[in-house]
Structures are given as structure tokens and as C-alpha cells.
Amino acid sequence: MSYLFAPPATVSVPVVGRAERFPVHRIYCVGRNYEDHAKEMGFTGREPPFFFLKPADALLVVNAGETGDMPYPTLTKNLHHEIELVAAIGKGGKNIAAADAMAHVWGYAVGLDMTRRDLQNDAKKQGRPWCIGKGFDHSAPIGPIVPAAQAGDVLHAEIALQVNGADRQRSNVGKLIWNIAETIEHLSAAWELQPGDLIYTGTPEGVAAVVAGDLLVGSVAGLPELRVRMV
């Protein structure tokens, strides 16, 4: 088969302790999935889960022990950090029951859902899609993936983000409104999940703006931390 131009390389994420890398298919993100974050965004209660997508090539892949450089994006004056636990899907399927969902998770990583908040808010006011606020280049930093069997009690792990050494976000994955199994159940009813899908599972309260020069250090207990410098 021939192409008009060279197809892009497969986007992939390193795996802790393995030479093989995790090839990425799609990036799904869960909105407002911690109660206190929902409240700070002006919402309350356990609303039905909702999702948005980022392009696979929006990933900014950062190796363990390294600091990734994220260019401050264009068109925004209000770039927000959102620290998240990322679930990496290893077995696909449709209409997956919550009771069976965890067998579909291959591993976990620390991720950031970076958001051009001013552009997102403008889109909301006009009833337009959020893509320009959520799906821009480098908007999904991610650290190495840890196989599920080696990730410890990640479903009840502390999750945190520091900016320039000061706490911005700190919570526990156990406070997810819709846990990972329930999220997979809802998500797989809308899309057929595939091996290589990543699910950014939501962010706790404390989202705020960053500027060029800031150092972001994200963590989920038991996983390699994610370090990103805004440049």
C-alpha cells in the first residue's frame, strides 16, 4: 500500500520495567468527576458522567525521572492544570458491565488535563464544543504506565499536584464520583473501547492557572511522578 505522504508515527507511552511501549488509540476524559471540583466549577451532586476526547497526538509523554517541557499555548491567558489518574485499557469491548470492567484495565499513569479555561468558558457560553479549550497540542502530559498488578492500591491512592513546590491540588482517588469500573461501564455504552485507549478519570478541586516558568509536579501514590515545566 502506498500513501501520498508518510503516515504519522504511532503515539506511545513508556511502560515501567518493560522495553515494549503502550500504543495509544484514543484519549477519553471524564468531566467533573470529583465532588469538590464539581462545586468549584459551579455544579453539585452526582450527575450522570460525561466525556470529551483529546487527540492521541495531544499527549506530552514524559519519561520517568525527566521533566517535560510544555510550550505555553497560543490564544489563552488562563491556562489551568488538572491532575488526573489515567487508566490504560488493554482489552476492548462494548457495553462492559462494571463488575467486569477492571479486567479491561492494563495499567495506570499520572496525567494532566491542561485546559485553556478562558476559551472553554467562552465555548460553554455560546453552546459550542470545548475542543479548542481541551484538545490543543501538548494538552495531555502523561508519565510512564505501571501495569495494574504493580500499581498497588491505586483506587484509594493520594493524588496531588504541586506548582513551584506549593500544593495546588491534593485528594484521594477513592473520592471519584464515578469510579473507574463505573466509568468504563458508561463509556463503553457510548463507544467500543479498544486496546490502547487512555481514560483520564477526572480531577479533584484546586484547579488554577499556570504561567511560563512554572514547574508542575503531579503524583498518584505508587506511580512515577509527572514533572512538567511551562516554557
Protein backbone atom coordinates (compact mmCIF):
# COMPACT_ATOMS: atom_id res chain seq x y z
CA MET A 1 0.00 0.00 0.00
CA SER A 2 1.30 3.45 -0.87
CA TYR A 3 0.45 6.82 0.67
CA LEU A 4 0.56 10.37 -0.61
CA PHE A 5 2.86 11.24 2.30
CA ALA A 6 4.43 9.36 5.19
CA PRO A 7 1.78 8.44 7.81
CA PRO A 8 2.44 9.73 11.33
CA ALA A 9 4.30 7.56 13.79
CA THR A 10 2.27 5.66 16.37
CA VAL A 11 1.86 7.64 19.57
CA SER A 12 3.05 5.56 22.52
CA VAL A 13 3.80 5.76 26.24
CA PRO A 14 6.68 4.02 28.06
CA VAL A 15 5.89 1.18 30.46
CA VAL A 16 7.72 0.82 33.76
CA GLY A 17 10.02 -2.22 33.70
CA ARG A 18 9.28 -3.13 30.08
CA ALA A 19 11.03 -2.48 26.77
CA GLU A 20 7.69 -2.55 24.95
CA ARG A 21 5.70 0.67 24.82
CA PHE A 22 1.93 1.19 25.13
CA PRO A 23 0.49 2.25 21.72
CA VAL A 24 -2.26 4.85 22.10
CA HIS A 25 -5.59 4.64 20.30
CA ARG A 26 -7.88 7.32 21.79
CA ILE A 27 -7.88 9.62 24.82
CA TYR A 28 -11.17 9.83 26.73
CA CYS A 29 -11.61 12.33 29.57
CA VAL A 30 -14.25 12.33 32.31
CA GLY A 31 -15.66 15.73 33.26
CA ARG A 32 -16.33 16.91 36.83
CA ASN A 33 -15.70 13.55 38.50
CA TYR A 34 -14.73 14.75 42.00
CA GLU A 35 -17.49 16.39 44.06
CA ASP A 36 -15.43 19.32 45.36
CA HIS A 37 -14.15 20.08 41.86
CA ALA A 38 -17.73 20.00 40.54
CA LYS A 39 -18.66 22.50 43.25
CA GLU A 40 -15.79 24.85 42.41
CA MET A 41 -16.96 24.77 38.79
CA GLY A 42 -20.49 25.71 39.88
CA PHE A 43 -22.15 22.27 39.98
CA THR A 44 -23.22 19.86 42.73
CA GLY A 45 -24.41 16.31 43.10
CA ARG A 46 -23.70 13.03 41.31
CA GLU A 47 -24.71 13.98 37.80
CA PRO A 48 -24.51 11.33 35.05
CA PRO A 49 -20.92 11.05 33.79
CA PHE A 50 -19.99 12.92 30.64
CA PHE A 51 -16.96 12.65 28.40
CA PHE A 52 -14.81 14.57 25.95
CA LEU A 53 -11.89 13.45 23.82
CA LYS A 54 -8.39 14.67 23.10
CA PRO A 55 -6.38 13.66 20.03
CA ALA A 56 -3.81 10.94 20.68
CA ASP A 57 -1.07 13.27 19.47
CA ALA A 58 -2.05 15.82 22.15
CA LEU A 59 -0.02 13.67 24.57
CA LEU A 60 3.15 15.13 26.02
CA VAL A 61 4.99 11.96 27.03
CA VAL A 62 7.46 12.38 29.90
CA ASN A 63 9.86 9.59 30.85
CA ALA A 64 10.39 8.59 34.48
CA GLY A 65 12.84 10.89 36.23
CA GLU A 66 12.69 13.52 33.49
CA THR A 67 10.98 16.90 33.20
CA GLY A 68 8.92 17.54 30.10
CA ASP A 69 8.77 20.99 28.52
CA MET A 70 5.26 22.18 27.67
CA PRO A 71 5.04 25.29 25.48
CA TYR A 72 2.54 27.78 26.85
CA PRO A 73 -0.27 27.50 24.27
CA THR A 74 -1.48 30.22 21.98
CA LEU A 75 -4.81 32.10 22.22
CA THR A 76 -5.15 31.82 26.02
CA LYS A 77 -4.38 33.96 29.03
CA ASN A 78 -5.81 31.48 31.54
CA LEU A 79 -4.20 28.04 31.26
CA HIS A 80 -5.31 25.66 34.05
CA HIS A 81 -3.79 22.47 35.42
CA GLU A 82 -5.93 19.40 36.20
CA ILE A 83 -4.12 16.44 37.78
CA GLU A 84 -5.64 13.04 36.95
CA LEU A 85 -5.19 9.30 37.34
CA VAL A 86 -5.07 7.75 33.86
CA ALA A 87 -6.38 4.23 33.24
CA ALA A 88 -4.83 2.43 30.26
CA ILE A 89 -7.13 -0.05 28.51
CA GLY A 90 -5.61 -3.36 27.44
CA LYS A 91 -8.75 -5.25 26.39
CA GLY A 92 -11.53 -3.60 24.42
CA GLY A 93 -15.25 -4.16 24.39
CA LYS A 94 -18.75 -2.69 24.23
CA ASN A 95 -21.36 -2.50 26.99
CA ILE A 96 -18.90 -3.68 29.61
CA ALA A 97 -20.53 -4.25 32.99
CA ALA A 98 -18.93 -2.50 35.96
CA ALA A 99 -18.43 -5.89 37.61
CA ASP A 100 -16.21 -6.95 34.69
CA ALA A 101 -14.59 -3.61 33.89
CA MET A 102 -11.35 -3.83 35.86
CA ALA A 103 -10.25 -6.84 33.79
CA HIS A 104 -10.04 -4.42 30.85
CA VAL A 105 -7.53 -2.10 32.59
CA TRP A 106 -3.91 -2.83 31.66
CA GLY A 107 -2.26 -0.22 33.83
CA TYR A 108 -2.19 3.28 35.28
CA ALA A 109 -0.28 6.54 34.87
CA VAL A 110 -0.26 10.10 36.15
CA GLY A 111 -1.66 12.63 33.70
CA LEU A 112 -2.51 16.32 33.36
CA ASP A 113 -5.57 17.60 31.53
CA MET A 114 -4.34 21.08 30.62
CA THR A 115 -7.18 23.46 29.81
CA ARG A 116 -7.40 26.82 28.07
CA ARG A 117 -10.07 27.84 30.59
CA ASP A 118 -10.95 31.16 29.01
CA LEU A 119 -11.58 29.50 25.65
CA GLN A 120 -13.53 26.66 27.27
CA ASN A 121 -15.72 29.12 29.19
CA ASP A 122 -16.39 31.13 26.02
CA ALA A 123 -17.42 27.94 24.22
CA LYS A 124 -19.75 26.98 27.08
CA LYS A 125 -21.47 30.37 26.98
CA GLN A 126 -22.06 30.03 23.25
CA GLY A 127 -23.16 26.40 23.40
CA ARG A 128 -20.20 25.33 21.28
CA PRO A 129 -17.84 22.33 21.59
CA TRP A 130 -14.92 22.54 24.01
CA CYS A 131 -12.29 21.22 21.59
CA ILE A 132 -10.34 24.48 21.39
CA GLY A 133 -10.15 24.61 25.19
CA LYS A 134 -9.26 20.96 25.78
CA GLY A 135 -7.77 19.30 22.70
CA PHE A 136 -4.86 21.54 21.75
CA ASP A 137 -1.25 20.47 21.15
CA HIS A 138 0.56 19.13 24.27
CA SER A 139 -2.65 19.39 26.32
CA ALA A 140 -2.32 15.87 27.80
CA PRO A 141 1.00 15.37 29.60
CA ILE A 142 1.47 11.81 30.85
CA GLY A 143 4.08 9.83 32.73
CA PRO A 144 5.04 6.15 32.34
CA ILE A 145 2.37 3.47 32.66
CA VAL A 146 2.60 0.98 35.52
CA PRO A 147 0.98 -2.43 34.95
CA ALA A 148 -2.14 -2.81 37.09
CA ALA A 149 -0.70 -5.70 39.11
CA GLN A 150 2.22 -3.47 40.18
CA ALA A 151 0.26 -0.29 40.91
CA GLY A 152 -0.72 -1.12 44.48
CA ASP A 153 -3.98 0.22 45.89
CA VAL A 154 -4.24 2.86 43.20
CA LEU A 155 -8.02 3.10 43.54
CA HIS A 156 -7.55 4.61 47.02
CA ALA A 157 -4.27 6.42 46.42
CA GLU A 158 -3.45 10.02 47.28
CA ILE A 159 -3.45 12.26 44.20
CA ALA A 160 -1.72 15.64 44.25
CA LEU A 161 -0.24 18.45 42.22
CA GLN A 162 2.38 20.94 43.30
CA VAL A 163 3.32 24.09 41.39
CA ASN A 164 6.76 25.51 42.20
CA GLY A 165 6.81 23.35 45.34
CA ALA A 166 3.47 24.53 46.75
CA ASP A 167 0.36 22.37 46.96
CA ARG A 168 -2.40 23.22 44.48
CA GLN A 169 -4.42 20.00 44.40
CA ARG A 170 -4.50 17.16 46.95
CA SER A 171 -7.18 14.50 47.34
CA ASN A 172 -7.70 10.74 47.10
CA VAL A 173 -8.70 8.64 44.09
CA GLY A 174 -11.30 7.00 46.32
CA LYS A 175 -13.29 10.26 46.14
CA LEU A 176 -14.12 9.80 42.45
CA ILE A 177 -17.85 10.33 41.93
CA TRP A 178 -17.88 7.61 39.28
CA ASN A 179 -15.15 5.07 40.00
CA ILE A 180 -13.11 3.55 37.20
CA ALA A 181 -15.31 0.46 36.81
CA GLU A 182 -18.47 2.59 36.60
CA THR A 183 -16.76 4.97 34.19
CA ILE A 184 -15.83 2.09 31.88
CA GLU A 185 -19.41 0.82 32.01
CA HIS A 186 -20.80 4.19 30.92
CA LEU A 187 -18.03 4.89 28.41
CA SER A 188 -18.29 1.51 26.69
CA ALA A 189 -22.02 2.03 26.21
CA ALA A 190 -21.24 5.03 24.01
CA TRP A 191 -18.04 3.86 22.27
CA GLU A 192 -16.46 0.47 21.67
CA LEU A 193 -13.31 0.61 23.74
CA GLN A 194 -10.09 -0.58 22.11
CA PRO A 195 -6.72 -1.73 23.42
CA GLY A 196 -4.60 1.41 23.63
CA ASP A 197 -7.36 3.71 24.87
CA LEU A 198 -6.47 6.04 27.74
CA ILE A 199 -9.06 7.29 30.21
CA TYR A 200 -8.27 10.49 32.10
CA THR A 201 -10.54 9.85 35.08
CA GLY A 202 -11.17 13.37 36.40
CA THR A 203 -9.50 15.98 38.59
CA PRO A 204 -10.02 16.98 42.23
CA GLU A 205 -10.55 20.52 43.48
CA GLY A 206 -7.86 23.20 43.34
CA VAL A 207 -7.55 23.80 39.60
CA ALA A 208 -5.83 27.12 38.90
CA ALA A 209 -3.74 28.98 36.36
CA VAL A 210 -0.10 28.44 35.48
CA VAL A 211 2.35 30.69 33.64
CA ALA A 212 5.58 30.26 31.72
CA GLY A 213 8.40 29.16 34.02
CA ASP A 214 6.18 27.21 36.43
CA LEU A 215 7.21 23.68 37.42
CA LEU A 216 4.30 21.25 37.83
CA VAL A 217 4.84 18.02 39.76
CA GLY A 218 1.90 15.60 39.69
CA SER A 219 1.66 12.43 41.73
CA VAL A 220 -0.53 9.43 42.45
CA ALA A 221 0.82 7.27 45.28
CA GLY A 222 2.51 4.17 43.88
CA LEU A 223 3.11 5.60 40.38
CA PRO A 224 6.06 7.57 38.96
CA GLU A 225 5.52 11.30 39.39
CA LEU A 226 4.94 13.54 36.40
CA ARG A 227 7.12 16.65 36.09
CA VAL A 228 6.29 19.35 33.53
CA ARG A 229 7.90 22.76 33.04
CA MET A 230 5.89 25.51 31.35
CA VAL A 231 8.08 27.21 28.75
